[in-house]
Amino acid sequence: MDINIKDIITLDDNNQYVVVSKTIYENKTYYYLIDKNNNTNIKFCYEDLGDLVEFSNEELMVKLLPLFWKNMKNELEGM
């Protein structure tokens, strides 16, 4: 699956999401997504066999947020 920061994807809920950040943690790719039309609709997903799976494990999110931030910052600096 080739999804990158700034890509727009449509999920099963038929909403379009912007990929705000992407990171790899413990050999799994994770995504931070924001609904293109409703910025309060945020999703955290991981890649599993070509599908995106939403998760809500707060402990995992706390570990991932600094990684998302670092990758987002690097992307902005490269613009």
Protein backbone atom coordinates (compact mmCIF):
# COMPACT_ATOMS: atom_id res chain seq x y z
CA MET A 1 0.00 0.00 0.00
CA ASP A 2 1.50 3.31 -1.05
CA ILE A 3 -0.17 6.03 1.03
CA ASN A 4 1.83 9.15 1.82
CA ILE A 5 1.49 12.32 3.87
CA LYS A 6 -0.86 14.80 2.14
CA ASP A 7 -2.63 12.06 0.17
CA ILE A 8 -6.43 12.06 0.22
CA ILE A 9 -8.10 8.70 0.70
CA THR A 10 -11.70 7.56 1.02
CA LEU A 11 -12.54 5.13 3.81
CA ASP A 12 -15.48 2.74 4.18
CA ASP A 13 -17.55 5.54 5.74
CA ASN A 14 -17.38 7.30 2.32
CA ASN A 15 -15.59 10.31 3.83
CA GLN A 16 -12.40 11.68 2.35
CA TYR A 17 -9.43 11.91 4.72
CA VAL A 18 -6.14 13.75 4.44
CA VAL A 19 -3.11 11.79 5.58
CA VAL A 20 -1.65 14.19 8.14
CA SER A 21 1.18 11.90 9.15
CA LYS A 22 2.50 8.38 8.76
CA THR A 23 4.97 6.43 10.87
CA ILE A 24 6.35 2.95 11.36
CA TYR A 25 6.34 1.53 14.88
CA GLU A 26 7.25 -2.05 15.77
CA ASN A 27 7.22 -3.05 12.08
CA LYS A 28 3.69 -1.77 11.51
CA THR A 29 2.70 1.33 9.49
CA TYR A 30 0.35 3.76 11.24
CA TYR A 31 -1.58 6.72 9.84
CA TYR A 32 -3.03 9.88 11.34
CA LEU A 33 -6.03 10.98 9.26
CA ILE A 34 -8.32 14.00 9.34
CA ASP A 35 -11.65 14.20 7.52
CA LYS A 36 -11.29 16.65 4.65
CA ASN A 37 -14.71 18.21 5.32
CA ASN A 38 -14.90 17.90 9.11
CA ASN A 39 -11.63 18.48 10.93
CA THR A 40 -13.08 17.17 14.20
CA ASN A 41 -13.34 13.71 12.61
CA ILE A 42 -9.89 12.24 13.27
CA LYS A 43 -8.86 8.63 12.76
CA PHE A 44 -5.80 6.65 13.72
CA CYS A 45 -5.28 3.56 11.59
CA TYR A 46 -2.71 0.90 10.89
CA GLU A 47 -2.04 -1.02 7.72
CA ASP A 48 -2.96 -4.71 7.74
CA LEU A 49 -2.72 -6.83 4.58
CA GLY A 50 -3.45 -3.85 2.34
CA ASP A 51 -6.35 -2.52 4.43
CA LEU A 52 -6.49 0.35 6.90
CA VAL A 53 -7.79 -0.67 10.32
CA GLU A 54 -8.93 1.98 12.79
CA PHE A 55 -7.77 1.65 16.38
CA SER A 56 -8.47 3.52 19.61
CA ASN A 57 -5.83 2.21 22.01
CA GLU A 58 -4.92 5.35 23.97
CA GLU A 59 -1.65 3.92 25.27
CA LEU A 60 -0.52 3.21 21.71
CA MET A 61 -1.65 6.66 20.54
CA VAL A 62 0.48 8.31 23.24
CA LYS A 63 3.50 6.42 21.90
CA LEU A 64 2.70 7.26 18.29
CA LEU A 65 1.90 10.99 18.62
CA PRO A 66 5.55 12.10 18.99
CA LEU A 67 6.45 9.97 15.95
CA PHE A 68 3.60 11.44 13.93
CA TRP A 69 4.69 14.93 14.97
CA LYS A 70 8.32 14.29 13.96
CA ASN A 71 7.31 12.97 10.52
CA MET A 72 4.84 15.82 9.97
CA LYS A 73 7.52 18.37 10.94
CA ASN A 74 10.04 16.77 8.56
CA GLU A 75 7.50 16.88 5.75
CA LEU A 76 6.74 20.57 6.35
CA GLU A 77 10.44 21.46 6.50
CA GLY A 78 10.98 19.73 3.16
CA MET A 79 8.36 21.91 1.42
